[in-house]
Amino acid sequence: MRLSPDGAVLEHQIGGKDVAVRLALDGTTAEHEVATADRARACLNEGMIADLQALVRGVEASFPDDAGHDFQFAFEGARVHLLQRRAITR
């Protein structure tokens, strides 16, 4: 997904997914089969996208520059976490 600075969706492509990697209680990860009905479903809802956009705006305000950046993130329940921000490489 690619968003404009004002939060408009510029590009949105739902990827197929047949395996989900989930955190286990012991801190390891485990692979789980994704139900057929969920394989083409979007992973992020509108509220999650809005939360992600707010996170990106906050990071960009704290570290302003003119270069484009990729953001890697994860949701823990309803809470979004920034994992990494790096310059876009072409």
Protein backbone atom coordinates (compact mmCIF):
# COMPACT_ATOMS: atom_id res chain seq x y z
CA MET A 1 0.00 0.00 0.00
CA ARG A 2 1.22 3.45 -0.83
CA LEU A 3 -0.32 6.56 0.75
CA SER A 4 0.02 10.23 -0.11
CA PRO A 5 1.21 12.64 2.59
CA ASP A 6 -2.42 13.55 3.32
CA GLY A 7 -3.40 9.89 3.78
CA ALA A 8 -5.06 9.20 0.44
CA VAL A 9 -4.49 5.69 -0.87
CA LEU A 10 -2.36 5.94 -4.02
CA GLU A 11 -1.82 2.24 -4.57
CA HIS A 12 -3.46 -0.77 -2.94
CA GLN A 13 -2.81 -4.35 -3.87
CA ILE A 14 -3.97 -7.28 -1.79
CA GLY A 15 -1.45 -10.09 -1.91
CA GLY A 16 -2.44 -13.71 -1.67
CA LYS A 17 -1.49 -15.40 1.56
CA ASP A 18 -1.72 -19.04 2.50
CA VAL A 19 0.54 -19.06 5.59
CA ALA A 20 0.48 -16.76 8.62
CA VAL A 21 3.44 -16.51 11.01
CA ARG A 22 2.25 -15.92 14.57
CA LEU A 23 4.02 -15.41 17.86
CA ALA A 24 3.68 -18.33 20.26
CA LEU A 25 3.38 -17.94 24.03
CA ASP A 26 6.96 -19.16 24.51
CA GLY A 27 8.34 -16.35 22.30
CA THR A 28 8.95 -18.48 19.22
CA THR A 29 6.98 -18.21 15.99
CA ALA A 30 4.81 -20.79 14.30
CA GLU A 31 3.33 -21.04 10.82
CA HIS A 32 -0.43 -21.49 10.49
CA GLU A 33 -2.51 -22.15 7.40
CA VAL A 34 -4.71 -19.20 6.44
CA ALA A 35 -8.37 -20.08 5.91
CA THR A 36 -9.33 -20.05 2.24
CA ALA A 37 -11.89 -17.27 2.80
CA ASP A 38 -9.19 -15.01 4.33
CA ARG A 39 -6.49 -15.46 1.69
CA ALA A 40 -7.66 -12.58 -0.50
CA ARG A 41 -8.93 -10.39 2.37
CA ALA A 42 -7.13 -7.15 3.25
CA CYS A 43 -5.03 -7.37 6.40
CA LEU A 44 -5.55 -3.74 7.42
CA ASN A 45 -8.90 -2.09 8.06
CA GLU A 46 -9.57 1.65 7.70
CA GLY A 47 -8.87 2.33 11.38
CA MET A 48 -5.51 0.56 11.19
CA ILE A 49 -4.59 2.55 8.09
CA ALA A 50 -5.48 5.79 9.89
CA ASP A 51 -3.34 4.77 12.90
CA LEU A 52 -0.46 3.89 10.60
CA GLN A 53 -0.75 7.23 8.79
CA ALA A 54 -0.64 9.05 12.16
CA LEU A 55 2.50 7.12 13.12
CA VAL A 56 4.20 7.97 9.81
CA ARG A 57 3.30 11.66 10.15
CA GLY A 58 4.74 11.73 13.66
CA VAL A 59 7.99 10.09 12.58
CA GLU A 60 8.34 12.38 9.58
CA ALA A 61 7.73 15.43 11.77
CA SER A 62 10.46 14.25 14.16
CA PHE A 63 12.96 13.44 11.40
CA PRO A 64 12.19 15.77 8.48
CA ASP A 65 13.96 15.44 5.14
CA ASP A 66 13.03 15.36 1.48
CA ALA A 67 13.92 11.70 0.82
CA GLY A 68 11.23 9.06 0.52
CA HIS A 69 11.14 6.32 3.12
CA ASP A 70 9.80 2.82 3.58
CA PHE A 71 8.22 2.07 6.92
CA GLN A 72 8.07 -1.39 8.43
CA PHE A 73 5.46 -1.82 11.12
CA ALA A 74 3.55 -4.37 13.11
CA PHE A 75 0.23 -4.35 14.90
CA GLU A 76 -0.14 -5.84 18.36
CA GLY A 77 -3.89 -6.02 18.70
CA ALA A 78 -5.04 -2.50 17.87
CA ARG A 79 -1.67 -0.87 18.64
CA VAL A 80 0.75 -0.10 15.81
CA HIS A 81 4.52 -0.32 16.34
CA LEU A 82 7.22 1.15 14.13
CA LEU A 83 9.85 -1.51 13.41
CA GLN A 84 12.04 0.37 10.97
CA ARG A 85 12.22 3.45 8.76
CA ARG A 86 14.73 3.52 5.94
CA ALA A 87 15.42 5.42 2.75
CA ILE A 88 13.77 4.00 -0.36
CA THR A 89 16.37 2.31 -2.53
CA ARG A 90 15.83 1.93 -6.22
